[in-house]
Every structure is written in structure tokens, then in C-alpha cells.
Amino acid sequence: MLLDGASGVFEREGRKKSEIDEAQVKELDVQIGKLAAANSFLER
């Protein structure tokens, strides 16, 4: 939630490494592929 990390926004030491959810990345890749195919189809 925004308020949980809001105080760290203005602090240099407050930066955290972003956590990567591999399953979400794969799902987004699938969605990007579908959207690219639809876009290509609609351009014709």
C-alpha cells in the first residue's frame, strides 16, 4: 500500500530492491504477446 512505503520515498536509505514475481512476469509476457498479435491483426 502507498502509505506503508511513503515515508521511504524521500529517504535515500529507504530504497528497497524491487521484488520480482516470476509468475506475474510470465503472465504479463503472455498478455503482451496477445496484445501484439491483436494489434498486428488490426493494422491490416
N, C-alpha and C. Protein backbone atom coordinates (compact mmCIF):
# COMPACT_ATOMS: atom_id res chain seq x y z
N MET A 1 0.84 -1.18 0.00
CA MET A 1 0.00 0.00 0.00
C MET A 1 0.89 1.24 0.00
N LEU A 2 0.41 2.30 -0.56
CA LEU A 2 1.18 3.53 -0.69
C LEU A 2 1.64 4.06 0.65
N LEU A 3 0.78 4.09 1.62
CA LEU A 3 1.13 4.67 2.92
C LEU A 3 2.19 3.87 3.64
N ASP A 4 2.28 2.58 3.37
CA ASP A 4 3.29 1.75 4.03
C ASP A 4 4.70 2.16 3.65
N GLY A 5 4.92 2.56 2.41
CA GLY A 5 6.26 2.92 1.96
C GLY A 5 6.44 4.39 1.69
N ALA A 6 5.45 5.22 2.00
CA ALA A 6 5.50 6.64 1.65
C ALA A 6 6.64 7.36 2.36
N SER A 7 6.93 7.02 3.59
CA SER A 7 7.99 7.73 4.31
C SER A 7 9.36 7.47 3.69
N GLY A 8 9.54 6.33 3.07
CA GLY A 8 10.82 5.99 2.46
C GLY A 8 11.06 6.65 1.12
N VAL A 9 10.06 7.29 0.57
CA VAL A 9 10.20 7.90 -0.75
C VAL A 9 11.24 9.00 -0.73
N PHE A 10 11.31 9.75 0.35
CA PHE A 10 12.20 10.89 0.41
C PHE A 10 13.53 10.59 1.11
N GLU A 11 13.75 9.36 1.49
CA GLU A 11 14.99 8.95 2.15
C GLU A 11 15.81 8.09 1.21
N ARG A 12 17.07 8.40 1.07
CA ARG A 12 17.94 7.60 0.20
C ARG A 12 18.13 6.20 0.77
N GLU A 13 18.27 6.09 2.07
CA GLU A 13 18.49 4.78 2.68
C GLU A 13 17.23 3.94 2.65
N GLY A 14 16.09 4.54 2.42
CA GLY A 14 14.82 3.84 2.46
C GLY A 14 14.51 3.03 1.21
N ARG A 15 15.38 3.09 0.22
CA ARG A 15 15.10 2.37 -1.03
C ARG A 15 15.25 0.87 -0.82
N LYS A 16 14.29 0.15 -1.33
CA LYS A 16 14.33 -1.31 -1.26
C LYS A 16 14.52 -1.85 -2.66
N LYS A 17 15.09 -3.04 -2.73
CA LYS A 17 15.15 -3.72 -4.02
C LYS A 17 13.74 -4.16 -4.37
N SER A 18 13.37 -3.99 -5.61
CA SER A 18 12.04 -4.44 -6.02
C SER A 18 12.03 -5.96 -6.08
N GLU A 19 10.95 -6.52 -5.61
CA GLU A 19 10.81 -7.97 -5.65
C GLU A 19 10.14 -8.36 -6.95
N ILE A 20 10.71 -9.31 -7.64
CA ILE A 20 10.18 -9.73 -8.93
C ILE A 20 9.41 -11.03 -8.74
N ASP A 21 8.16 -10.99 -9.12
CA ASP A 21 7.31 -12.17 -9.06
C ASP A 21 7.37 -12.82 -10.44
N GLU A 22 8.09 -13.91 -10.54
CA GLU A 22 8.31 -14.57 -11.84
C GLU A 22 7.01 -14.99 -12.51
N ALA A 23 6.04 -15.45 -11.73
CA ALA A 23 4.75 -15.86 -12.30
C ALA A 23 4.05 -14.66 -12.93
N GLN A 24 4.13 -13.52 -12.26
CA GLN A 24 3.48 -12.32 -12.80
C GLN A 24 4.20 -11.85 -14.07
N VAL A 25 5.51 -11.97 -14.11
CA VAL A 25 6.28 -11.59 -15.30
C VAL A 25 5.87 -12.46 -16.47
N LYS A 26 5.74 -13.76 -16.24
CA LYS A 26 5.33 -14.67 -17.31
C LYS A 26 3.93 -14.34 -17.81
N GLU A 27 3.01 -14.06 -16.89
CA GLU A 27 1.65 -13.71 -17.27
C GLU A 27 1.63 -12.41 -18.08
N LEU A 28 2.43 -11.43 -17.68
CA LEU A 28 2.49 -10.18 -18.43
C LEU A 28 3.09 -10.39 -19.81
N ASP A 29 4.08 -11.29 -19.93
CA ASP A 29 4.65 -11.61 -21.24
C ASP A 29 3.58 -12.22 -22.16
N VAL A 30 2.74 -13.09 -21.60
CA VAL A 30 1.66 -13.70 -22.38
C VAL A 30 0.69 -12.62 -22.84
N GLN A 31 0.33 -11.72 -21.93
CA GLN A 31 -0.61 -10.66 -22.29
C GLN A 31 -0.02 -9.74 -23.35
N ILE A 32 1.27 -9.44 -23.24
CA ILE A 32 1.93 -8.59 -24.24
C ILE A 32 1.90 -9.28 -25.60
N GLY A 33 2.16 -10.57 -25.63
CA GLY A 33 2.11 -11.31 -26.88
C GLY A 33 0.74 -11.28 -27.52
N LYS A 34 -0.30 -11.46 -26.70
CA LYS A 34 -1.67 -11.42 -27.21
C LYS A 34 -2.01 -10.04 -27.75
N LEU A 35 -1.61 -9.00 -27.02
CA LEU A 35 -1.90 -7.64 -27.47
C LEU A 35 -1.13 -7.29 -28.74
N ALA A 36 0.10 -7.76 -28.84
CA ALA A 36 0.89 -7.51 -30.05
C ALA A 36 0.26 -8.19 -31.25
N ALA A 37 -0.22 -9.42 -31.06
CA ALA A 37 -0.87 -10.14 -32.16
C ALA A 37 -2.16 -9.44 -32.56
N ALA A 38 -2.94 -9.01 -31.59
CA ALA A 38 -4.20 -8.30 -31.89
C ALA A 38 -3.91 -6.99 -32.61
N ASN A 39 -2.89 -6.28 -32.17
CA ASN A 39 -2.53 -5.01 -32.79
C ASN A 39 -2.09 -5.22 -34.23
N SER A 40 -1.29 -6.25 -34.44
CA SER A 40 -0.83 -6.57 -35.79
C SER A 40 -2.00 -6.92 -36.70
N PHE A 41 -2.94 -7.69 -36.16
CA PHE A 41 -4.13 -8.09 -36.92
C PHE A 41 -4.98 -6.86 -37.28
N LEU A 42 -5.14 -5.95 -36.34
CA LEU A 42 -5.98 -4.78 -36.55
C LEU A 42 -5.35 -3.76 -37.48
N GLU A 43 -4.01 -3.78 -37.61
CA GLU A 43 -3.34 -2.85 -38.51
C GLU A 43 -3.60 -3.22 -39.98
N ARG A 44 -3.93 -4.45 -40.23
CA ARG A 44 -4.13 -4.90 -41.62
C ARG A 44 -5.42 -4.45 -42.19
